[in-house]
Amino acid sequence: DGSWGSYIARNDDAGSSRFSSLDRTLDAGTYRIT
């Protein structure tokens, strides 16, 4: 319906860094990163 709903993945600190990282296997579709 064009909505985003709830998030499907989240990351805060990647390893020893305060930056973030997500590595996922995803299916066809449109995704949003916030």
ModelCIF file with pLDDT and N, C-alpha, C, O atoms, coordinates in Angstrom:
data_MODEL
#
_entry.id   MODEL 
#
_entity.id                         1 
_entity.type                       polymer 
_entity.pdbx_number_of_molecules   1 
#
_entity_poly.entity_id                      1 
_entity_poly.type                           'polypeptide(L)' 
_entity_poly.nstd_linkage                   no 
_entity_poly.nstd_monomer                   no 
_entity_poly.pdbx_seq_one_letter_code       DGSWGSYIARNDDAGSSRFSSLDRTLDAGTYRIT 
_entity_poly.pdbx_seq_one_letter_code_can   DGSWGSYIARNDDAGSSRFSSLDRTLDAGTYRIT 
_entity_poly.pdbx_strand_id                 A 
#
loop_
_entity_poly_seq.entity_id 
_entity_poly_seq.num 
_entity_poly_seq.mon_id 
_entity_poly_seq.hetero 
1 1  ASP n 
1 2  GLY n 
1 3  SER n 
1 4  TRP n 
1 5  GLY n 
1 6  SER n 
1 7  TYR n 
1 8  ILE n 
1 9  ALA n 
1 10 ARG n 
1 11 ASN n 
1 12 ASP n 
1 13 ASP n 
1 14 ALA n 
1 15 GLY n 
1 16 SER n 
1 17 SER n 
1 18 ARG n 
1 19 PHE n 
1 20 SER n 
1 21 SER n 
1 22 LEU n 
1 23 ASP n 
1 24 ARG n 
1 25 THR n 
1 26 LEU n 
1 27 ASP n 
1 28 ALA n 
1 29 GLY n 
1 30 THR n 
1 31 TYR n 
1 32 ARG n 
1 33 ILE n 
1 34 THR n 
#
_struct_asym.id          A 
_struct_asym.entity_id   1 
#
loop_
_ma_qa_metric.id 
_ma_qa_metric.mode 
_ma_qa_metric.name 
_ma_qa_metric.software_group_id 
_ma_qa_metric.type 
1 global pLDDT . pLDDT 
2 local  pLDDT . pLDDT 
#
_ma_qa_metric_global.metric_id      1 
_ma_qa_metric_global.metric_value   87.24 
_ma_qa_metric_global.model_id       1 
_ma_qa_metric_global.ordinal_id     1 
#
loop_
_ma_qa_metric_local.label_asym_id 
_ma_qa_metric_local.label_comp_id 
_ma_qa_metric_local.label_seq_id 
_ma_qa_metric_local.metric_id 
_ma_qa_metric_local.metric_value 
_ma_qa_metric_local.model_id 
_ma_qa_metric_local.ordinal_id 
A ASP 1  2 69.00 1 1  
A GLY 2  2 74.00 1 2  
A SER 3  2 76.00 1 3  
A TRP 4  2 78.00 1 4  
A GLY 5  2 79.00 1 5  
A SER 6  2 85.00 1 6  
A TYR 7  2 89.00 1 7  
A ILE 8  2 92.00 1 8  
A ALA 9  2 92.00 1 9  
A ARG 10 2 91.00 1 10 
A ASN 11 2 91.00 1 11 
A ASP 12 2 88.00 1 12 
A ASP 13 2 82.00 1 13 
A ALA 14 2 80.00 1 14 
A GLY 15 2 77.00 1 15 
A SER 16 2 80.00 1 16 
A SER 17 2 83.00 1 17 
A ARG 18 2 87.00 1 18 
A PHE 19 2 89.00 1 19 
A SER 20 2 91.00 1 20 
A SER 21 2 92.00 1 21 
A LEU 22 2 92.00 1 22 
A ASP 23 2 94.00 1 23 
A ARG 24 2 93.00 1 24 
A THR 25 2 95.00 1 25 
A LEU 26 2 94.00 1 26 
A ASP 27 2 93.00 1 27 
A ALA 28 2 92.00 1 28 
A GLY 29 2 90.00 1 29 
A THR 30 2 91.00 1 30 
A TYR 31 2 93.00 1 31 
A ARG 32 2 91.00 1 32 
A ILE 33 2 92.00 1 33 
A THR 34 2 91.00 1 34 
#
loop_
_atom_site.group_PDB 
_atom_site.id 
_atom_site.type_symbol 
_atom_site.label_atom_id 
_atom_site.label_alt_id 
_atom_site.label_comp_id 
_atom_site.label_asym_id 
_atom_site.label_entity_id 
_atom_site.label_seq_id 
_atom_site.pdbx_PDB_ins_code 
_atom_site.Cartn_x 
_atom_site.Cartn_y 
_atom_site.Cartn_z 
_atom_site.occupancy 
_atom_site.B_iso_or_equiv 
_atom_site.pdbx_formal_charge 
_atom_site.auth_seq_id 
_atom_site.auth_comp_id 
_atom_site.auth_asym_id 
_atom_site.auth_atom_id 
_atom_site.pdbx_PDB_model_num 
ATOM 1   N N  . ASP A 1 1  ? 0.809  -1.226  0.000  1.00 69.00 ? 1  ASP A N  1 
ATOM 2   C CA . ASP A 1 1  ? 0.000  0.000   0.000  1.00 69.00 ? 1  ASP A CA 1 
ATOM 3   C C  . ASP A 1 1  ? 0.839  1.271   0.000  1.00 69.00 ? 1  ASP A C  1 
ATOM 4   O O  . ASP A 1 1  ? 0.298  2.371   0.104  1.00 69.00 ? 1  ASP A O  1 
ATOM 5   N N  . GLY A 1 2  ? 2.167  1.126   -0.117 1.00 74.00 ? 2  GLY A N  1 
ATOM 6   C CA . GLY A 1 2  ? 3.058  2.276   -0.159 1.00 74.00 ? 2  GLY A CA 1 
ATOM 7   C C  . GLY A 1 2  ? 3.588  2.703   1.189  1.00 74.00 ? 2  GLY A C  1 
ATOM 8   O O  . GLY A 1 2  ? 4.466  3.563   1.251  1.00 74.00 ? 2  GLY A O  1 
ATOM 9   N N  . SER A 1 3  ? 3.077  2.123   2.293  1.00 76.00 ? 3  SER A N  1 
ATOM 10  C CA . SER A 1 3  ? 3.551  2.483   3.630  1.00 76.00 ? 3  SER A CA 1 
ATOM 11  C C  . SER A 1 3  ? 4.822  1.712   3.966  1.00 76.00 ? 3  SER A C  1 
ATOM 12  O O  . SER A 1 3  ? 5.177  0.749   3.287  1.00 76.00 ? 3  SER A O  1 
ATOM 13  N N  . TRP A 1 4  ? 5.508  2.154   5.035  1.00 78.00 ? 4  TRP A N  1 
ATOM 14  C CA . TRP A 1 4  ? 6.763  1.521   5.445  1.00 78.00 ? 4  TRP A CA 1 
ATOM 15  C C  . TRP A 1 4  ? 6.596  0.610   6.649  1.00 78.00 ? 4  TRP A C  1 
ATOM 16  O O  . TRP A 1 4  ? 7.377  -0.325  6.820  1.00 78.00 ? 4  TRP A O  1 
ATOM 17  N N  . GLY A 1 5  ? 5.604  0.857   7.480  1.00 79.00 ? 5  GLY A N  1 
ATOM 18  C CA . GLY A 1 5  ? 5.420  0.008   8.645  1.00 79.00 ? 5  GLY A CA 1 
ATOM 19  C C  . GLY A 1 5  ? 6.571  0.119   9.627  1.00 79.00 ? 5  GLY A C  1 
ATOM 20  O O  . GLY A 1 5  ? 7.224  1.159   9.714  1.00 79.00 ? 5  GLY A O  1 
ATOM 21  N N  . SER A 1 6  ? 6.820  -0.958  10.369 1.00 85.00 ? 6  SER A N  1 
ATOM 22  C CA . SER A 1 6  ? 7.908  -0.971  11.348 1.00 85.00 ? 6  SER A CA 1 
ATOM 23  C C  . SER A 1 6  ? 9.215  -1.363  10.666 1.00 85.00 ? 6  SER A C  1 
ATOM 24  O O  . SER A 1 6  ? 9.209  -1.954  9.587  1.00 85.00 ? 6  SER A O  1 
ATOM 25  N N  . TYR A 1 7  ? 10.325 -1.032  11.297 1.00 89.00 ? 7  TYR A N  1 
ATOM 26  C CA . TYR A 1 7  ? 11.623 -1.347  10.710 1.00 89.00 ? 7  TYR A CA 1 
ATOM 27  C C  . TYR A 1 7  ? 11.878 -2.855  10.769 1.00 89.00 ? 7  TYR A C  1 
ATOM 28  O O  . TYR A 1 7  ? 11.382 -3.551  11.655 1.00 89.00 ? 7  TYR A O  1 
ATOM 29  N N  . ILE A 1 8  ? 12.660 -3.338  9.808  1.00 92.00 ? 8  ILE A N  1 
ATOM 30  C CA . ILE A 1 8  ? 12.961 -4.772  9.736  1.00 92.00 ? 8  ILE A CA 1 
ATOM 31  C C  . ILE A 1 8  ? 14.372 -5.069  10.239 1.00 92.00 ? 8  ILE A C  1 
ATOM 32  O O  . ILE A 1 8  ? 14.711 -6.232  10.460 1.00 92.00 ? 8  ILE A O  1 
ATOM 33  N N  . ALA A 1 9  ? 15.190 -4.050  10.421 1.00 92.00 ? 9  ALA A N  1 
ATOM 34  C CA . ALA A 1 9  ? 16.540 -4.248  10.962 1.00 92.00 ? 9  ALA A CA 1 
ATOM 35  C C  . ALA A 1 9  ? 17.037 -2.937  11.548 1.00 92.00 ? 9  ALA A C  1 
ATOM 36  O O  . ALA A 1 9  ? 16.637 -1.854  11.120 1.00 92.00 ? 9  ALA A O  1 
ATOM 37  N N  . ARG A 1 10 ? 17.929 -3.056  12.549 1.00 91.00 ? 10 ARG A N  1 
ATOM 38  C CA . ARG A 1 10 ? 18.479 -1.879  13.220 1.00 91.00 ? 10 ARG A CA 1 
ATOM 39  C C  . ARG A 1 10 ? 19.905 -2.167  13.641 1.00 91.00 ? 10 ARG A C  1 
ATOM 40  O O  . ARG A 1 10 ? 20.237 -3.299  13.994 1.00 91.00 ? 10 ARG A O  1 
ATOM 41  N N  . ASN A 1 11 ? 20.758 -1.137  13.605 1.00 91.00 ? 11 ASN A N  1 
ATOM 42  C CA . ASN A 1 11 ? 22.104 -1.262  14.169 1.00 91.00 ? 11 ASN A CA 1 
ATOM 43  C C  . ASN A 1 11 ? 22.530 0.077   14.743 1.00 91.00 ? 11 ASN A C  1 
ATOM 44  O O  . ASN A 1 11 ? 22.285 1.139   14.171 1.00 91.00 ? 11 ASN A O  1 
ATOM 45  N N  . ASP A 1 12 ? 23.190 -0.019  15.920 1.00 88.00 ? 12 ASP A N  1 
ATOM 46  C CA . ASP A 1 12 ? 23.718 1.184   16.550 1.00 88.00 ? 12 ASP A CA 1 
ATOM 47  C C  . ASP A 1 12 ? 25.218 1.219   16.337 1.00 88.00 ? 12 ASP A C  1 
ATOM 48  O O  . ASP A 1 12 ? 25.676 1.789   15.346 1.00 88.00 ? 12 ASP A O  1 
ATOM 49  N N  . ASP A 1 13 ? 25.993 0.636   17.223 1.00 82.00 ? 13 ASP A N  1 
ATOM 50  C CA . ASP A 1 13 ? 27.455 0.674   17.113 1.00 82.00 ? 13 ASP A CA 1 
ATOM 51  C C  . ASP A 1 13 ? 27.964 -0.569  16.392 1.00 82.00 ? 13 ASP A C  1 
ATOM 52  O O  . ASP A 1 13 ? 27.688 -1.694  16.808 1.00 82.00 ? 13 ASP A O  1 
ATOM 53  N N  . ALA A 1 14 ? 28.708 -0.357  15.307 1.00 80.00 ? 14 ALA A N  1 
ATOM 54  C CA . ALA A 1 14 ? 29.273 -1.465  14.540 1.00 80.00 ? 14 ALA A CA 1 
ATOM 55  C C  . ALA A 1 14 ? 30.687 -1.751  15.046 1.00 80.00 ? 14 ALA A C  1 
ATOM 56  O O  . ALA A 1 14 ? 31.602 -0.959  14.818 1.00 80.00 ? 14 ALA A O  1 
ATOM 57  N N  . GLY A 1 15 ? 30.862 -2.868  15.723 1.00 77.00 ? 15 GLY A N  1 
ATOM 58  C CA . GLY A 1 15 ? 32.171 -3.202  16.256 1.00 77.00 ? 15 GLY A CA 1 
ATOM 59  C C  . GLY A 1 15 ? 32.590 -2.209  17.315 1.00 77.00 ? 15 GLY A C  1 
ATOM 60  O O  . GLY A 1 15 ? 31.844 -1.954  18.260 1.00 77.00 ? 15 GLY A O  1 
ATOM 61  N N  . SER A 1 16 ? 33.768 -1.648  17.167 1.00 80.00 ? 16 SER A N  1 
ATOM 62  C CA . SER A 1 16 ? 34.294 -0.679  18.134 1.00 80.00 ? 16 SER A CA 1 
ATOM 63  C C  . SER A 1 16 ? 33.991 0.761   17.732 1.00 80.00 ? 16 SER A C  1 
ATOM 64  O O  . SER A 1 16 ? 34.503 1.704   18.337 1.00 80.00 ? 16 SER A O  1 
ATOM 65  N N  . SER A 1 17 ? 33.158 0.924   16.712 1.00 83.00 ? 17 SER A N  1 
ATOM 66  C CA . SER A 1 17 ? 32.865 2.262   16.204 1.00 83.00 ? 17 SER A CA 1 
ATOM 67  C C  . SER A 1 17 ? 31.494 2.730   16.656 1.00 83.00 ? 17 SER A C  1 
ATOM 68  O O  . SER A 1 17 ? 30.620 1.918   16.960 1.00 83.00 ? 17 SER A O  1 
ATOM 69  N N  . ARG A 1 18 ? 31.311 4.038   16.700 1.00 87.00 ? 18 ARG A N  1 
ATOM 70  C CA . ARG A 1 18 ? 29.998 4.603   16.980 1.00 87.00 ? 18 ARG A CA 1 
ATOM 71  C C  . ARG A 1 18 ? 29.165 4.724   15.712 1.00 87.00 ? 18 ARG A C  1 
ATOM 72  O O  . ARG A 1 18 ? 27.988 5.083   15.767 1.00 87.00 ? 18 ARG A O  1 
ATOM 73  N N  . PHE A 1 19 ? 29.777 4.425   14.569 1.00 89.00 ? 19 PHE A N  1 
ATOM 74  C CA . PHE A 1 19 ? 29.016 4.379   13.334 1.00 89.00 ? 19 PHE A CA 1 
ATOM 75  C C  . PHE A 1 19 ? 28.217 3.078   13.271 1.00 89.00 ? 19 PHE A C  1 
ATOM 76  O O  . PHE A 1 19 ? 28.353 2.219   14.143 1.00 89.00 ? 19 PHE A O  1 
ATOM 77  N N  . SER A 1 20 ? 27.384 2.934   12.236 1.00 91.00 ? 20 SER A N  1 
ATOM 78  C CA . SER A 1 20 ? 26.435 1.828   12.158 1.00 91.00 ? 20 SER A CA 1 
ATOM 79  C C  . SER A 1 20 ? 26.637 1.028   10.884 1.00 91.00 ? 20 SER A C  1 
ATOM 80  O O  . SER A 1 20 ? 27.186 1.537   9.906  1.00 91.00 ? 20 SER A O  1 
ATOM 81  N N  . SER A 1 21 ? 26.187 -0.241  10.892 1.00 92.00 ? 21 SER A N  1 
ATOM 82  C CA . SER A 1 21 ? 26.333 -1.096  9.724  1.00 92.00 ? 21 SER A CA 1 
ATOM 83  C C  . SER A 1 21 ? 25.262 -2.174  9.736  1.00 92.00 ? 21 SER A C  1 
ATOM 84  O O  . SER A 1 21 ? 24.977 -2.766  10.777 1.00 92.00 ? 21 SER A O  1 
ATOM 85  N N  . LEU A 1 22 ? 24.666 -2.429  8.568  1.00 92.00 ? 22 LEU A N  1 
ATOM 86  C CA . LEU A 1 22 ? 23.688 -3.500  8.396  1.00 92.00 ? 22 LEU A CA 1 
ATOM 87  C C  . LEU A 1 22 ? 24.052 -4.298  7.158  1.00 92.00 ? 22 LEU A C  1 
ATOM 88  O O  . LEU A 1 22 ? 24.284 -3.724  6.093  1.00 92.00 ? 22 LEU A O  1 
ATOM 89  N N  . ASP A 1 23 ? 24.103 -5.606  7.287  1.00 94.00 ? 23 ASP A N  1 
ATOM 90  C CA . ASP A 1 23 ? 24.405 -6.508  6.172  1.00 94.00 ? 23 ASP A CA 1 
ATOM 91  C C  . ASP A 1 23 ? 23.289 -7.542  6.121  1.00 94.00 ? 23 ASP A C  1 
ATOM 92  O O  . ASP A 1 23 ? 23.178 -8.377  7.019  1.00 94.00 ? 23 ASP A O  1 
ATOM 93  N N  . ARG A 1 24 ? 22.456 -7.494  5.074  1.00 93.00 ? 24 ARG A N  1 
ATOM 94  C CA . ARG A 1 24 ? 21.299 -8.374  4.995  1.00 93.00 ? 24 ARG A CA 1 
ATOM 95  C C  . ARG A 1 24 ? 21.118 -8.920  3.585  1.00 93.00 ? 24 ARG A C  1 
ATOM 96  O O  . ARG A 1 24 ? 21.480 -8.271  2.603  1.00 93.00 ? 24 ARG A O  1 
ATOM 97  N N  . THR A 1 25 ? 20.553 -10.118 3.497  1.00 95.00 ? 25 THR A N  1 
ATOM 98  C CA . THR A 1 25 ? 20.096 -10.667 2.223  1.00 95.00 ? 25 THR A CA 1 
ATOM 99  C C  . THR A 1 25 ? 18.630 -10.285 2.081  1.00 95.00 ? 25 THR A C  1 
ATOM 100 O O  . THR A 1 25 ? 17.808 -10.652 2.920  1.00 95.00 ? 25 THR A O  1 
ATOM 101 N N  . LEU A 1 26 ? 18.302 -9.558  1.034  1.00 94.00 ? 26 LEU A N  1 
ATOM 102 C CA . LEU A 1 26 ? 16.966 -8.985  0.866  1.00 94.00 ? 26 LEU A CA 1 
ATOM 103 C C  . LEU A 1 26 ? 16.319 -9.479  -0.424 1.00 94.00 ? 26 LEU A C  1 
ATOM 104 O O  . LEU A 1 26 ? 17.009 -9.822  -1.384 1.00 94.00 ? 26 LEU A O  1 
ATOM 105 N N  . ASP A 1 27 ? 15.002 -9.509  -0.435 1.00 93.00 ? 27 ASP A N  1 
ATOM 106 C CA . ASP A 1 27 ? 14.248 -9.884  -1.626 1.00 93.00 ? 27 ASP A CA 1 
ATOM 107 C C  . ASP A 1 27 ? 13.951 -8.651  -2.477 1.00 93.00 ? 27 ASP A C  1 
ATOM 108 O O  . ASP A 1 27 ? 14.267 -7.524  -2.094 1.00 93.00 ? 27 ASP A O  1 
ATOM 109 N N  . ALA A 1 28 ? 13.343 -8.884  -3.626 1.00 92.00 ? 28 ALA A N  1 
ATOM 110 C CA . ALA A 1 28 ? 12.969 -7.769  -4.501 1.00 92.00 ? 28 ALA A CA 1 
ATOM 111 C C  . ALA A 1 28 ? 12.020 -6.826  -3.769 1.00 92.00 ? 28 ALA A C  1 
ATOM 112 O O  . ALA A 1 28 ? 11.172 -7.273  -2.998 1.00 92.00 ? 28 ALA A O  1 
ATOM 113 N N  . GLY A 1 29 ? 12.160 -5.538  -4.007 1.00 90.00 ? 29 GLY A N  1 
ATOM 114 C CA . GLY A 1 29 ? 11.289 -4.548  -3.389 1.00 90.00 ? 29 GLY A CA 1 
ATOM 115 C C  . GLY A 1 29 ? 11.974 -3.207  -3.247 1.00 90.00 ? 29 GLY A C  1 
ATOM 116 O O  . GLY A 1 29 ? 13.118 -3.028  -3.664 1.00 90.00 ? 29 GLY A O  1 
ATOM 117 N N  . THR A 1 30 ? 11.264 -2.274  -2.656 1.00 91.00 ? 30 THR A N  1 
ATOM 118 C CA . THR A 1 30 ? 11.790 -0.935  -2.387 1.00 91.00 ? 30 THR A CA 1 
ATOM 119 C C  . THR A 1 30 ? 12.055 -0.806  -0.896 1.00 91.00 ? 30 THR A C  1 
ATOM 120 O O  . THR A 1 30 ? 11.213 -1.170  -0.076 1.00 91.00 ? 30 THR A O  1 
ATOM 121 N N  . TYR A 1 31 ? 13.221 -0.289  -0.548 1.00 93.00 ? 31 TYR A N  1 
ATOM 122 C CA . TYR A 1 31 ? 13.656 -0.212  0.843  1.00 93.00 ? 31 TYR A CA 1 
ATOM 123 C C  . TYR A 1 31 ? 13.996 1.225   1.197  1.00 93.00 ? 31 TYR A C  1 
ATOM 124 O O  . TYR A 1 31 ? 14.353 2.034   0.341  1.00 93.00 ? 31 TYR A O  1 
ATOM 125 N N  . ARG A 1 32 ? 13.873 1.519   2.496  1.00 91.00 ? 32 ARG A N  1 
ATOM 126 C CA . ARG A 1 32 ? 14.247 2.841   2.999  1.00 91.00 ? 32 ARG A CA 1 
ATOM 127 C C  . ARG A 1 32 ? 15.261 2.679   4.125  1.00 91.00 ? 32 ARG A C  1 
ATOM 128 O O  . ARG A 1 32 ? 15.098 1.850   5.021  1.00 91.00 ? 32 ARG A O  1 
ATOM 129 N N  . ILE A 1 33 ? 16.304 3.487   4.056  1.00 92.00 ? 33 ILE A N  1 
ATOM 130 C CA . ILE A 1 33 ? 17.300 3.561   5.118  1.00 92.00 ? 33 ILE A CA 1 
ATOM 131 C C  . ILE A 1 33 ? 17.070 4.871   5.870  1.00 92.00 ? 33 ILE A C  1 
ATOM 132 O O  . ILE A 1 33 ? 16.985 5.935   5.258  1.00 92.00 ? 33 ILE A O  1 
ATOM 133 N N  . THR A 1 34 ? 16.970 4.790   7.190  1.00 91.00 ? 34 THR A N  1 
ATOM 134 C CA . THR A 1 34 ? 16.864 5.993   8.012  1.00 91.00 ? 34 THR A CA 1 
ATOM 135 C C  . THR A 1 34 ? 18.058 6.063   8.955  1.00 91.00 ? 34 THR A C  1 
ATOM 136 O O  . THR A 1 34 ? 18.169 7.003   9.742  1.00 91.00 ? 34 THR A O  1 
#
